[in-house]
Amino acid sequence: MPPIKSKPCLPCSADDFTQITVATAKCDLCNKRDKRTMKRCNTCSFQLCGGCTIKSGNEGAH
């Protein structure tokens, strides 16, 4: 599967993310919906599911 491009953003840190719990929210990396908690960048609205958050080292780099 080809890599999924993320939305452009300023350099963001883990502190720039807010946890959200919206059943319809979709991860911008894997395109899956996570019915639990996702992280959303406060600057650009980039979203990560739990699995992708762990894979990114909990940094949310994008």
Protein backbone atom coordinates (compact mmCIF):
# COMPACT_ATOMS: atom_id res chain seq x y z
CA MET A 1 0.00 0.00 0.00
CA PRO A 2 1.44 3.44 -0.90
CA PRO A 3 2.15 5.88 1.94
CA ILE A 4 -0.68 8.21 2.82
CA LYS A 5 0.20 11.88 2.66
CA SER A 6 -0.66 13.96 5.68
CA LYS A 7 -2.11 17.44 5.64
CA PRO A 8 0.54 20.20 5.67
CA CYS A 9 1.19 21.69 9.07
CA LEU A 10 3.63 23.83 10.93
CA PRO A 11 6.06 21.88 13.10
CA CYS A 12 3.83 20.51 15.84
CA SER A 13 4.74 18.82 19.10
CA ALA A 14 2.84 16.35 21.26
CA ASP A 15 1.63 19.35 23.31
CA ASP A 16 -0.27 20.65 20.26
CA PHE A 17 -2.67 17.69 20.31
CA THR A 18 -6.04 17.30 22.03
CA GLN A 19 -7.68 13.96 22.71
CA ILE A 20 -11.06 13.58 21.04
CA THR A 21 -13.74 10.90 21.26
CA VAL A 22 -15.85 11.13 18.13
CA ALA A 23 -16.99 7.80 16.67
CA THR A 24 -16.93 9.19 13.12
CA ALA A 25 -13.41 10.66 13.35
CA LYS A 26 -11.01 9.12 10.82
CA CYS A 27 -7.24 8.78 11.19
CA ASP A 28 -5.33 10.83 8.61
CA LEU A 29 -2.57 8.20 8.40
CA CYS A 30 -4.38 4.85 8.13
CA ASN A 31 -7.87 6.16 7.17
CA LYS A 32 -9.53 3.96 9.80
CA ARG A 33 -12.13 5.09 12.29
CA ASP A 34 -11.24 4.68 15.95
CA LYS A 35 -14.29 4.60 18.22
CA ARG A 36 -12.12 5.18 21.26
CA THR A 37 -9.79 8.14 21.65
CA MET A 38 -7.97 9.90 18.85
CA LYS A 39 -5.56 12.83 18.94
CA ARG A 40 -6.23 15.97 16.89
CA CYS A 41 -3.66 18.68 16.14
CA ASN A 42 -4.91 22.04 17.39
CA THR A 43 -3.08 23.84 14.56
CA CYS A 44 -4.25 21.96 11.45
CA SER A 45 -6.84 19.37 12.65
CA PHE A 46 -4.60 16.43 11.65
CA GLN A 47 -5.94 13.33 13.45
CA LEU A 48 -4.22 10.16 14.65
CA CYS A 49 -5.83 6.97 15.92
CA GLY A 50 -4.44 5.12 18.92
CA GLY A 51 -2.43 2.69 16.79
CA CYS A 52 -0.80 5.39 14.66
CA THR A 53 -0.11 7.48 17.78
CA ILE A 54 1.83 4.58 19.24
CA LYS A 55 3.67 3.97 15.94
CA SER A 56 4.73 7.64 15.88
CA GLY A 57 6.23 7.30 19.37
CA ASN A 58 3.34 9.27 20.90
CA GLU A 59 4.76 12.39 19.31
CA GLY A 60 2.10 12.88 16.62
CA ALA A 61 4.74 14.09 14.16
CA HIS A 62 3.30 14.95 10.79
